[in-house]
Protein backbone atom coordinates (compact mmCIF):
# COMPACT_ATOMS: atom_id res chain seq x y z
CA MET A 1 -15.72 48.67 165.91
CA PHE A 2 -14.54 47.33 162.42
CA ASN A 3 -17.01 45.29 160.34
CA ASN A 4 -15.41 41.95 159.31
CA ASN A 5 -14.70 42.96 155.60
CA TYR A 6 -12.76 45.99 156.30
CA ARG A 7 -11.04 44.29 159.26
CA ASN A 8 -9.85 41.97 156.55
CA HIS A 9 -9.12 44.13 154.19
CA TYR A 10 -7.24 46.19 156.71
CA ASN A 11 -5.28 43.24 158.25
CA ASN A 12 -4.63 42.38 154.26
CA TYR A 13 -2.96 45.70 153.40
CA MET A 14 -1.02 45.74 156.91
CA GLY A 15 0.18 42.55 156.09
CA TYR A 16 1.72 43.59 152.60
CA ARG A 17 3.19 46.81 154.13
CA GLN A 18 4.75 44.85 156.59
CA GLN A 19 6.25 42.76 154.04
CA LYS A 20 7.33 46.02 151.89
CA ASP A 21 8.75 47.76 154.72
CA ARG A 22 10.42 44.58 156.94
CA LYS A 23 14.11 45.37 155.31
CA TYR A 24 13.23 48.95 156.50
CA ARG A 25 12.20 48.11 160.38
CA SER A 26 14.31 45.69 162.63
CA GLU A 27 12.33 44.14 165.62
CA ILE A 28 13.94 46.92 167.94
CA ASN A 29 12.39 49.38 165.66
CA ILE A 30 9.05 47.78 165.95
CA ILE A 31 9.34 47.70 169.55
CA GLU A 32 10.29 51.51 169.68
CA ASP A 33 7.09 52.13 167.80
CA ILE A 34 5.09 50.31 170.19
CA LEU A 35 6.61 51.95 173.10
CA SER A 36 6.46 55.56 171.94
CA VAL A 37 2.78 54.91 172.05
CA PHE A 38 2.66 56.02 175.63
CA LYS A 39 4.88 58.80 175.50
CA LYS A 40 1.51 60.82 175.53
CA THR A 41 -0.79 58.63 177.56
CA GLN A 42 0.83 60.27 180.69
CA GLY A 43 0.23 56.71 182.13
CA LYS A 44 -3.31 55.52 181.37
CA PRO A 45 -3.94 52.44 179.33
CA VAL A 46 -3.92 52.02 175.72
CA GLY A 47 -6.16 49.98 173.58
CA LYS A 48 -4.94 47.23 171.04
CA THR A 49 -6.40 49.29 168.01
CA ARG A 50 -5.11 52.68 169.00
CA ILE A 51 -1.45 50.91 169.04
CA MET A 52 -1.87 49.06 165.63
CA TYR A 53 -2.59 52.03 164.11
CA ALA A 54 0.35 54.26 165.75
CA ALA A 55 2.88 51.32 165.27
CA ASN A 56 1.78 50.22 161.71
CA LEU A 57 1.05 46.37 162.44
CA ASN A 58 -1.43 44.28 161.29
CA THR A 59 -3.55 42.19 164.23
CA HIS A 60 -1.06 39.22 164.40
CA MET A 61 2.35 41.09 164.26
CA LEU A 62 0.90 43.29 167.05
CA SER A 63 -0.59 40.25 169.41
CA MET A 64 2.92 38.54 169.21
CA TYR A 65 5.02 41.90 170.01
CA LEU A 66 2.35 43.01 172.63
CA GLU A 67 2.48 39.31 174.29
CA LYS A 68 6.36 39.17 174.16
CA LEU A 69 6.60 43.01 175.72
CA VAL A 70 4.35 41.71 178.42
CA ARG A 71 6.22 38.90 179.02
CA GLN A 72 9.29 40.62 179.03
CA GLY A 73 7.94 42.82 181.80
CA LEU A 74 7.92 46.28 179.45
CA LEU A 75 4.12 46.63 179.12
CA ARG A 76 1.60 45.52 181.80
CA GLU A 77 -2.00 43.82 180.63
CA GLU A 78 -5.39 44.47 182.23
CA GLU A 79 -9.06 43.27 181.11
CA ARG A 80 -11.71 45.56 181.13
CA ASN A 81 -15.61 44.90 179.91
CA GLY A 82 -13.49 41.90 177.74
CA ARG A 83 -11.13 44.59 175.79
CA LYS A 84 -7.02 44.31 176.72
CA TYR A 85 -5.60 47.58 177.34
CA TYR A 86 -1.88 48.26 178.10
CA THR A 87 0.55 50.14 179.94
CA ILE A 88 4.19 50.83 180.07
CA THR A 89 6.25 49.91 182.89
CA PRO A 90 9.14 51.86 184.27
CA LYS A 91 11.49 49.06 182.30
CA GLY A 92 9.38 49.70 179.18
CA MET A 93 10.29 53.50 179.87
CA LEU A 94 13.96 52.89 179.89
CA ALA A 95 13.99 50.60 177.55
CA LEU A 96 12.52 53.53 175.20
CA LEU A 97 15.36 55.63 176.33
CA PHE A 98 17.76 53.41 175.50
CA ILE A 99 16.82 52.37 172.01
CA SER A 100 15.92 56.25 171.31
CA ARG A 101 19.06 57.13 171.95
CA LEU A 102 21.12 54.52 170.71
CA ASN A 103 19.04 55.45 167.34
CA ILE A 104 20.61 58.98 167.70
CA LEU A 105 24.13 58.02 168.14
CA LEU A 106 23.96 55.77 165.33
CA GLU A 107 22.78 58.82 162.80
CA TYR A 108 26.48 60.39 163.66
CA SER A 109 29.27 59.75 161.70
CA SER A 110 32.20 58.12 163.89
CA LYS A 111 34.63 60.15 161.69
CA SER A 112 34.15 63.22 163.69
CA THR A 113 34.34 61.36 166.83
CA ASP A 114 37.52 59.82 165.96
CA GLU A 115 39.30 63.11 165.01
CA LEU A 116 38.13 64.81 168.42
CA VAL A 117 39.76 61.31 170.01
CA SER A 118 42.98 61.96 167.85
CA GLN A 119 43.09 65.46 168.90
CA VAL A 120 42.38 64.88 172.58
CA HIS A 121 45.13 62.39 172.36
CA GLU A 122 47.68 64.74 171.10
CA SER A 123 46.75 67.57 173.74
CA ILE A 124 46.88 64.67 176.48
CA GLU A 125 50.56 63.87 175.32
CA LYS A 126 51.86 67.72 175.24
CA THR A 127 50.25 68.57 178.35
CA ILE A 128 51.90 65.54 180.54
CA LYS A 129 55.37 66.09 178.93
CA ASN A 130 55.35 69.65 180.80
CA TYR A 131 55.45 67.42 184.06
CA GLY A 132 58.59 66.10 185.23
CA PHE A 133 57.23 62.83 187.36
CA LYS A 134 56.33 59.74 185.42
CA THR A 135 52.96 59.70 183.65
CA SER A 136 51.35 56.98 181.31
CA VAL A 137 48.20 57.17 179.14
CA ILE A 138 46.39 54.27 177.85
CA ARG A 139 44.16 54.41 174.63
CA ASP A 140 40.69 52.34 174.25
CA PHE A 141 40.93 51.05 177.67
CA ASN A 142 38.72 48.47 178.72
CA LEU A 143 37.93 47.54 182.38
CA THR A 144 35.22 45.09 183.96
CA GLY A 145 34.12 46.61 187.05
CA SER A 146 33.35 45.22 190.48
CA THR A 147 29.49 44.49 189.60
CA GLY A 148 30.95 42.58 186.60
CA LEU A 149 30.10 45.25 183.89
CA LEU A 150 32.35 45.65 181.40
CA HIS A 151 33.83 49.36 180.82
CA ARG A 152 35.29 51.18 177.97
CA PHE A 153 37.15 54.59 178.57
CA ASP A 154 38.52 56.31 175.68
CA PHE A 155 41.81 57.06 177.59
CA LEU A 156 43.29 56.24 181.12
CA VAL A 157 45.79 58.67 182.17
CA LYS A 158 47.84 57.71 184.97
CA ILE A 159 49.29 60.51 186.53
CA LYS A 160 50.91 61.02 190.26
CA GLY A 161 48.99 58.40 191.60
CA LYS A 162 45.96 59.11 190.34
CA ASN A 163 43.79 57.15 187.78
CA ILE A 164 41.68 59.52 185.25
CA GLY A 165 39.07 57.91 182.79
CA ILE A 166 38.57 60.01 179.82
CA TYR A 167 35.22 59.91 177.22
CA VAL A 168 35.12 61.76 174.13
CA SER A 169 31.83 62.63 172.35
CA THR A 170 30.25 64.45 169.28
CA SER A 171 26.93 63.40 169.98
CA SER A 172 23.69 65.45 169.81
CA GLU A 173 22.50 66.97 172.92
CA ASP A 174 19.71 64.28 173.12
CA VAL A 175 22.40 61.64 174.41
CA GLN A 176 24.91 63.92 176.46
CA GLN A 177 23.13 63.35 179.71
CA LEU A 178 23.11 59.54 179.09
CA GLU A 179 26.85 59.38 178.16
CA TYR A 180 27.70 61.19 181.23
CA LEU A 181 25.90 58.99 183.48
CA TRP A 182 26.96 56.20 181.76
CA LEU A 183 31.13 57.49 182.38
CA LEU A 184 30.08 58.25 185.81
CA LEU A 185 28.66 54.55 186.44
CA GLY A 186 31.81 53.20 184.68
CA LEU A 187 34.06 55.43 187.54
CA LEU A 188 32.13 54.19 190.36
CA ASP A 189 32.25 50.70 189.28
CA SER A 190 35.95 50.31 188.63
CA ASN A 191 37.10 52.58 191.54
CA ILE A 192 38.32 55.22 189.26
CA ASN A 193 38.34 58.49 190.97
CA ILE A 194 38.29 61.06 188.43
CA GLY A 195 36.41 61.38 185.18
CA LEU A 196 36.66 63.86 181.96
CA TYR A 197 33.72 64.25 179.50
CA ILE A 198 34.81 66.04 176.82
CA ARG A 199 32.46 66.99 173.81
CA LEU A 200 32.38 69.61 171.06
CA GLY A 201 30.41 72.39 171.28
CA ARG A 202 29.84 76.23 170.31
CA THR A 203 31.43 77.58 173.33
CA LEU A 204 34.18 76.92 175.87
CA SER A 205 32.78 75.75 179.04
CA ILE A 206 34.32 73.28 182.29
CA GLU A 207 32.19 72.14 185.13
CA LYS A 208 33.70 70.26 188.24
CA LYS A 209 31.02 68.52 190.01
CA ASP A 210 31.79 65.85 193.12
CA TYR A 211 29.80 62.73 193.37
CA SER A 212 30.78 60.73 196.12
CA ASN A 213 34.18 59.28 195.35
CA VAL A 214 34.47 60.75 191.81
CA GLN A 215 35.52 63.66 190.51
CA MET A 216 33.75 64.62 187.29
CA TYR A 217 34.70 67.27 184.46
CA ARG A 218 32.53 68.04 181.81
CA ILE A 219 34.35 70.11 179.47
CA GLU A 220 32.84 71.59 176.00
CA ILE A 221 35.40 72.64 173.42
CA PRO A 222 34.59 74.98 170.29
CA GLU A 223 34.97 72.68 167.14
CA ASN A 224 38.43 73.17 165.30
CA ASN A 225 40.26 74.78 168.38
CA THR A 226 43.07 72.67 168.91
CA THR A 227 44.63 75.45 170.83
CA THR A 228 41.60 75.89 173.36
CA LEU A 229 41.64 72.29 173.90
CA ASN A 230 45.63 72.18 174.81
CA ARG A 231 45.08 74.88 177.26
CA VAL A 232 42.00 73.39 178.77
CA LEU A 233 43.29 70.16 179.41
CA SER A 234 46.33 71.76 181.02
CA GLN A 235 44.30 73.66 183.22
CA VAL A 236 42.15 70.38 184.26
CA PHE A 237 45.49 68.51 184.94
CA GLU A 238 47.19 71.17 187.26
CA ASN A 239 43.73 71.11 188.75
CA ILE A 240 43.93 67.36 189.31
CA ILE A 241 47.48 67.32 190.49
CA GLU A 242 47.44 69.93 192.83
CA THR A 243 43.87 68.02 194.72
CA LYS A 244 44.93 65.70 197.11
CA ASN A 245 44.19 62.02 196.48
CA LEU A 246 40.14 61.28 197.39
């Protein structure tokens, strides 16, 4: 229990910190700090004091954000012995996942991604020139799926009656699975039957998986190895062409 004098001094200090740090912490950052408190609670309720310390907020700001997160369905509020406790909801866990992954994505420079996309584009063009039938490559392809969601592919390759959606990544391992699942969702929603997820890595690896009506290729290419990239893409396209339409 805080006595009133201590609580007033603490709130004044926290108010000063909020004013000082406001330009460094956006609303999304504050929400992430609050939701992150529940990572180690294993579903157990958490009191306001613990959240206040962990999220570095004064009581006024904390109450405002907690009310908002409860209203949005990210937290659940309950009262015990006159005190309010909070637990994170499945929607809150999903929000925390997306916010944390977004922050990781934003830490990476787009320059390396642009360079890899350009290398992939050049390799695709070189590869499909070897085939005698009509092909086309569309870069930065946007398509609205059946659910109304807008999906973006780095490339859409049309080859021998087959559409191939390609996503190129230089992200860290923390966000790879999320990107992979987002590509899969886009393919399913857009009725595109083949997907290539290409990323930079330390070693060469090719993994193929079938999901319902979609074939997915996860391709890892060693950095700055254009020769390997050309060879791998040629191998994958040959495999796709020889496979019957889904």
